[in-house]
């Protein structure tokens, strides 16, 4: 049997196994009601945050920055579904706009972190040697520095706009993903399909992209899902310290932070942003846990 034939057979088997793997994962998720519920809630929040503000503004004839001193601290009513804040602005429309910024930061920063983490982990695990030593030293050094300390320094130096915050959080959240990917690739690069591709003369780039990355993407998906939930909390924490996105641009974090001083005037100012943060983070963690169970070979039936 020629080398070309053997590689073709190995590629066919690998593709069939990969297809079967993803099919089993989807079936497992569809059987997990808790994961489906978390995914549905996240989808609902995302759609409402990105498309809801325009619909609500046209339907209720309100604007996110419309303020009225006489309408301050109004409780929920037919005119203001979730009440008004300390400046008389509609809480519902601001909550939708705040969700757009908070979720955009979480999604964008986690995807950036996954891109950096997968790239660094792949290079370190596949090439080994001096490259692995240097990248591992960088990972270990960054891991030894408290992330909150780095976040405070970066937020204090740069203007905390949503775009800058995405870059800061993304560049500081890739370390754990890189570690997971590196460990997986150290095992994968010794598998028969990788050795056969090397014997056939495939380039390192082709092997990493077409043979190795599809086998580590599942680990990256779990890590990035849990990371998105953590980033929601980080953004809220930075807003609490006054280093997050600054008003009047609303986020769930700075809405919750601003409402601390007005808790006695309107409890709804604290309840709704806090509820949205809690539910979103919980759904991200439940989704990550469900993906981990679905991707665990021991849980497949």
Protein backbone atom coordinates (compact mmCIF):
# COMPACT_ATOMS: atom_id res chain seq x y z
CA UNK A 1 0.00 0.00 0.00
CA UNK A 2 1.45 3.38 -1.03
CA UNK A 3 1.93 6.30 1.32
CA UNK A 4 -0.59 8.32 -0.68
CA UNK A 5 -3.27 5.64 -0.30
CA UNK A 6 -2.61 5.31 3.41
CA UNK A 7 -2.89 9.07 3.94
CA UNK A 8 -6.13 9.16 1.93
CA UNK A 9 -7.59 6.42 4.10
CA UNK A 10 -6.49 8.16 7.27
CA UNK A 11 -8.05 11.44 6.10
CA UNK A 12 -11.31 9.65 5.26
CA UNK A 13 -11.43 7.98 8.66
CA UNK A 14 -10.60 11.29 10.35
CA UNK A 15 -13.39 13.14 8.53
CA UNK A 16 -15.92 10.42 9.37
CA UNK A 17 -14.89 10.48 13.01
CA UNK A 18 -15.11 14.26 13.11
CA UNK A 19 -18.58 14.25 11.53
CA UNK A 20 -19.74 11.58 13.95
CA UNK A 21 -18.20 13.54 16.83
CA UNK A 22 -20.13 16.72 16.07
CA UNK A 23 -23.35 14.79 15.44
CA UNK A 24 -23.08 13.11 18.84
CA UNK A 25 -22.32 16.45 20.48
CA UNK A 26 -25.43 18.09 18.98
CA UNK A 27 -27.63 15.17 20.03
CA UNK A 28 -26.24 15.35 23.56
CA UNK A 29 -26.97 19.08 23.78
CA UNK A 30 -30.51 18.60 22.44
CA UNK A 31 -31.13 16.11 25.25
CA UNK A 32 -29.83 18.52 27.90
CA UNK A 33 -32.77 20.78 28.75
CA UNK A 34 -30.78 23.00 31.10
CA UNK A 35 -28.20 23.76 28.42
CA UNK A 36 -30.92 24.40 25.85
CA UNK A 37 -32.66 26.79 28.25
CA UNK A 38 -29.40 28.69 28.88
CA UNK A 39 -28.72 28.88 25.14
CA UNK A 40 -32.26 30.12 24.47
CA UNK A 41 -32.01 32.83 27.13
CA UNK A 42 -28.66 34.04 25.78
CA UNK A 43 -30.08 34.09 22.25
CA UNK A 44 -33.11 36.06 23.47
CA UNK A 45 -30.95 38.58 25.35
CA UNK A 46 -28.64 39.00 22.36
CA UNK A 47 -31.44 39.53 19.83
CA UNK A 48 -33.30 41.89 22.18
CA UNK A 49 -30.16 43.94 22.90
CA UNK A 50 -29.06 44.34 19.30
CA UNK A 51 -32.44 44.75 17.58
CA UNK A 52 -34.81 45.70 20.40
CA UNK A 53 -33.81 49.35 21.07
CA UNK A 54 -34.94 50.63 17.67
CA UNK A 55 -38.26 48.76 17.90
CA UNK A 56 -38.93 49.94 21.46
CA UNK A 57 -38.02 53.56 20.70
CA UNK A 58 -40.43 53.65 17.77
CA UNK A 59 -43.19 51.81 19.63
CA UNK A 60 -43.02 53.78 22.90
CA UNK A 61 -41.77 57.04 21.36
CA UNK A 62 -38.87 57.32 23.81
CA UNK A 63 -35.17 57.97 23.40
CA UNK A 64 -32.34 56.49 25.44
CA UNK A 65 -31.20 59.96 26.55
CA UNK A 66 -34.61 61.56 27.07
CA UNK A 67 -34.48 63.00 30.60
CA UNK A 68 -37.14 64.64 32.72
CA UNK A 69 -36.57 65.83 36.30
CA UNK A 70 -40.23 65.38 37.21
CA UNK A 71 -40.16 61.74 36.03
CA UNK A 72 -37.29 60.63 38.26
CA UNK A 73 -37.50 57.32 40.16
CA UNK A 74 -40.85 56.36 38.69
CA UNK A 75 -41.80 52.74 39.40
CA UNK A 76 -42.69 50.34 36.56
CA UNK A 77 -45.85 51.38 34.74
CA UNK A 78 -47.54 51.09 31.36
CA UNK A 79 -45.62 54.16 30.15
CA UNK A 80 -42.25 53.06 31.55
CA UNK A 81 -42.20 49.26 31.71
CA UNK A 82 -39.22 49.07 34.09
CA UNK A 83 -39.50 52.54 35.60
CA UNK A 84 -37.13 55.48 35.25
CA UNK A 85 -33.70 56.32 36.66
CA UNK A 86 -32.32 59.24 38.65
CA UNK A 87 -32.49 61.51 35.59
CA UNK A 88 -35.95 60.45 34.49
CA UNK A 89 -34.68 58.28 31.63
CA UNK A 90 -36.57 55.14 30.66
CA UNK A 91 -34.92 52.17 32.36
CA UNK A 92 -36.07 49.58 29.82
CA UNK A 93 -34.53 51.27 26.77
CA UNK A 94 -31.30 51.92 28.66
CA UNK A 95 -31.20 48.29 29.75
CA UNK A 96 -31.45 47.19 26.12
CA UNK A 97 -28.69 49.58 25.04
CA UNK A 98 -26.60 48.53 28.03
CA UNK A 99 -27.01 44.88 27.06
CA UNK A 100 -25.80 45.68 23.55
CA UNK A 101 -22.54 47.12 24.90
CA UNK A 102 -22.03 44.50 27.66
CA UNK A 103 -22.71 41.52 25.39
CA UNK A 104 -20.65 43.02 22.57
CA UNK A 105 -17.70 43.39 24.95
CA UNK A 106 -18.13 39.82 26.22
CA UNK A 107 -18.47 38.25 22.76
CA UNK A 108 -15.73 40.29 21.08
CA UNK A 109 -13.19 40.02 23.91
CA UNK A 110 -13.75 36.27 24.32
CA UNK A 111 -13.34 35.68 20.57
CA UNK A 112 -10.17 37.78 20.58
CA UNK A 113 -8.89 35.81 23.57
CA UNK A 114 -9.70 32.53 21.80
CA UNK A 115 -7.89 33.63 18.64
CA UNK A 116 -4.75 34.61 20.55
CA UNK A 117 -4.89 31.60 22.88
CA UNK A 118 -5.39 29.05 20.11
CA UNK A 119 -2.64 30.62 17.99
CA UNK A 120 -0.10 30.75 20.82
CA UNK A 121 -1.02 27.30 22.13
CA UNK A 122 -0.78 25.78 18.65
CA UNK A 123 2.64 27.29 17.94
CA UNK A 124 4.01 26.27 21.33
CA UNK A 125 2.64 22.73 21.24
CA UNK A 126 3.40 21.93 17.61
CA UNK A 127 6.91 23.31 17.20
CA UNK A 128 8.20 22.71 20.74
CA UNK A 129 11.86 23.47 21.44
CA UNK A 130 12.88 27.11 21.82
CA UNK A 131 9.52 28.40 20.58
CA UNK A 132 7.69 26.38 23.21
CA UNK A 133 10.12 27.53 25.91
CA UNK A 134 9.69 31.22 25.03
CA UNK A 135 5.90 31.09 24.74
CA UNK A 136 5.58 29.02 27.92
CA UNK A 137 7.75 31.56 29.74
CA UNK A 138 5.46 34.37 28.51
CA UNK A 139 2.37 32.45 29.65
CA UNK A 140 3.86 31.66 33.04
CA UNK A 141 5.00 35.25 33.56
CA UNK A 142 1.60 36.71 32.74
CA UNK A 143 -0.10 34.08 34.92
CA UNK A 144 2.01 35.09 37.91
CA UNK A 145 0.75 38.69 37.75
CA UNK A 146 -2.76 39.23 39.19
CA UNK A 147 -5.12 39.89 36.30
CA UNK A 148 -7.02 42.55 38.25
CA UNK A 149 -3.77 44.47 38.71
CA UNK A 150 -3.10 44.40 34.96
CA UNK A 151 -6.68 45.42 34.22
CA UNK A 152 -6.51 48.38 36.58
CA UNK A 153 -3.24 49.59 35.04
CA UNK A 154 -4.49 49.19 31.46
CA UNK A 155 -7.85 50.84 32.21
CA UNK A 156 -6.15 53.75 33.95
CA UNK A 157 -3.74 54.35 31.05
CA UNK A 158 -6.18 54.00 28.16
CA UNK A 159 -9.57 55.61 27.70
CA UNK A 160 -12.15 53.00 28.76
CA UNK A 161 -14.30 53.10 25.61
CA UNK A 162 -16.03 49.85 24.55
CA UNK A 163 -13.48 49.26 21.78
CA UNK A 164 -10.49 49.80 24.07
CA UNK A 165 -12.06 47.64 26.77
CA UNK A 166 -12.50 44.80 24.26
CA UNK A 167 -8.81 44.98 23.37
CA UNK A 168 -7.71 45.11 27.01
CA UNK A 169 -9.90 42.19 28.11
CA UNK A 170 -9.06 40.13 25.03
CA UNK A 171 -5.30 40.54 25.44
CA UNK A 172 -5.48 39.62 29.12
CA UNK A 173 -7.83 36.60 28.86
CA UNK A 174 -6.07 34.22 26.46
CA UNK A 175 -3.60 32.58 28.86
CA UNK A 176 -5.77 29.70 30.09
CA UNK A 177 -6.94 28.90 26.55
CA UNK A 178 -3.33 28.76 25.34
CA UNK A 179 -2.43 26.32 28.11
CA UNK A 180 -5.32 24.00 27.28
CA UNK A 181 -4.61 24.04 23.54
CA UNK A 182 -0.88 23.49 24.02
CA UNK A 183 -1.45 20.43 26.18
CA UNK A 184 -3.87 18.94 23.66
CA UNK A 185 -1.55 19.54 20.71
CA UNK A 186 1.41 17.91 22.47
CA UNK A 187 -0.63 14.71 22.31
CA UNK A 188 -2.17 15.23 18.86
CA UNK A 189 1.09 15.84 17.01
CA UNK A 190 2.15 12.24 17.73
CA UNK A 191 -1.00 10.74 16.19
CA UNK A 192 -0.80 8.68 12.99
CA UNK A 193 -2.71 11.13 10.80
CA UNK A 194 -0.27 13.94 11.64
CA UNK A 195 2.79 11.73 11.11
CA UNK A 196 1.38 10.54 7.78
CA UNK A 197 0.78 14.11 6.62
CA UNK A 198 4.35 15.00 7.57
CA UNK A 199 5.69 11.98 5.67
CA UNK A 200 3.73 13.08 2.60
CA UNK A 201 5.41 16.48 2.73
CA UNK A 202 2.55 18.67 3.94
CA UNK A 203 3.64 22.05 5.23
CA UNK A 204 3.50 22.85 8.93
CA UNK A 205 0.84 25.49 8.30
CA UNK A 206 -1.38 23.02 6.44
CA UNK A 207 -0.99 20.39 9.15
CA UNK A 208 -1.87 22.86 11.90
CA UNK A 209 -4.89 24.31 10.06
CA UNK A 210 -6.41 21.21 8.48
CA UNK A 211 -5.36 18.38 10.80
CA UNK A 212 -4.75 19.76 14.30
CA UNK A 213 -7.02 22.78 14.79
CA UNK A 214 -10.29 20.89 14.11
CA UNK A 215 -9.35 18.58 17.00
CA UNK A 216 -8.78 21.38 19.53
CA UNK A 217 -11.65 23.67 18.62
CA UNK A 218 -13.97 21.86 21.04
CA UNK A 219 -11.71 22.69 23.99
CA UNK A 220 -11.49 26.31 22.82
CA UNK A 221 -15.30 26.54 22.57
CA UNK A 222 -15.75 25.44 26.17
CA UNK A 223 -13.08 27.85 27.39
CA UNK A 224 -14.43 30.80 25.41
CA UNK A 225 -18.00 30.21 26.64
CA UNK A 226 -16.94 30.29 30.28
CA UNK A 227 -14.62 33.23 29.54
CA UNK A 228 -17.54 35.27 28.13
CA UNK A 229 -19.37 34.91 31.45
CA UNK A 230 -16.28 35.97 33.37
CA UNK A 231 -15.84 39.01 31.12
CA UNK A 232 -19.36 40.21 31.94
CA UNK A 233 -18.36 40.18 35.61
CA UNK A 234 -15.02 41.86 34.89
CA UNK A 235 -16.70 44.68 32.98
CA UNK A 236 -19.15 45.15 35.84
CA UNK A 237 -16.30 45.18 38.35
CA UNK A 238 -14.37 47.78 36.40
CA UNK A 239 -17.50 49.95 36.16
CA UNK A 240 -17.94 49.59 39.93
CA UNK A 241 -14.40 50.98 40.34
CA UNK A 242 -15.05 53.77 37.84
CA UNK A 243 -12.67 52.32 35.23
CA UNK A 244 -15.18 50.76 32.86
CA UNK A 245 -17.20 52.33 30.06
CA UNK A 246 -18.16 55.80 31.24
CA UNK A 247 -21.70 57.27 31.26
CA UNK A 248 -23.73 58.39 29.43
CA UNK A 249 -22.95 55.26 27.39
CA UNK A 250 -24.96 52.61 29.26
CA UNK A 251 -23.71 49.17 30.18
CA UNK A 252 -25.20 46.81 32.72
CA UNK A 253 -22.11 47.34 34.84
CA UNK A 254 -22.17 51.14 35.02
CA UNK A 255 -25.98 51.17 35.37
CA UNK A 256 -25.63 48.97 38.44
CA UNK A 257 -22.74 51.05 39.75
CA UNK A 258 -24.58 54.37 39.29
CA UNK A 259 -27.69 53.04 41.01
CA UNK A 260 -25.92 52.41 44.32
CA UNK A 261 -26.41 55.99 45.42
CA UNK A 262 -30.12 55.95 44.57
CA UNK A 263 -31.11 52.59 46.01
CA UNK A 264 -33.41 54.16 48.61
CA UNK A 265 -35.24 56.18 45.94
CA UNK A 266 -35.89 53.34 43.51
CA UNK A 267 -35.03 49.71 44.15
CA UNK A 268 -35.75 48.90 40.50
CA UNK A 269 -32.58 50.79 39.54
CA UNK A 270 -30.54 48.03 41.18
CA UNK A 271 -32.79 45.03 40.55
CA UNK A 272 -32.93 45.05 36.76
CA UNK A 273 -29.24 45.54 35.85
CA UNK A 274 -28.25 43.10 38.60
CA UNK A 275 -30.76 40.54 37.36
CA UNK A 276 -29.54 40.81 33.76
CA UNK A 277 -25.90 40.39 34.81
CA UNK A 278 -26.72 37.42 37.06
CA UNK A 279 -28.85 35.61 34.46
CA UNK A 280 -26.38 36.20 31.63
CA UNK A 281 -23.35 34.99 33.59
CA UNK A 282 -25.30 31.97 34.87
CA UNK A 283 -26.40 31.06 31.34
CA UNK A 284 -22.83 31.31 30.02
CA UNK A 285 -21.60 29.01 32.79
CA UNK A 286 -24.46 26.54 32.22
CA UNK A 287 -23.75 26.55 28.50
CA UNK A 288 -20.06 25.93 29.11
CA UNK A 289 -20.87 23.11 31.50
CA UNK A 290 -23.28 21.59 28.97
CA UNK A 291 -20.68 21.78 26.20
CA UNK A 292 -18.12 20.12 28.46
CA UNK A 293 -20.52 17.25 29.15
CA UNK A 294 -21.41 16.91 25.46
CA UNK A 295 -17.75 16.83 24.43
CA UNK A 296 -16.73 14.35 27.12
CA UNK A 297 -16.39 10.87 25.54
CA UNK A 298 -17.45 9.24 28.82
CA UNK A 299 -20.86 10.92 28.64
CA UNK A 300 -21.70 9.85 25.08
CA UNK A 301 -24.30 7.17 24.52
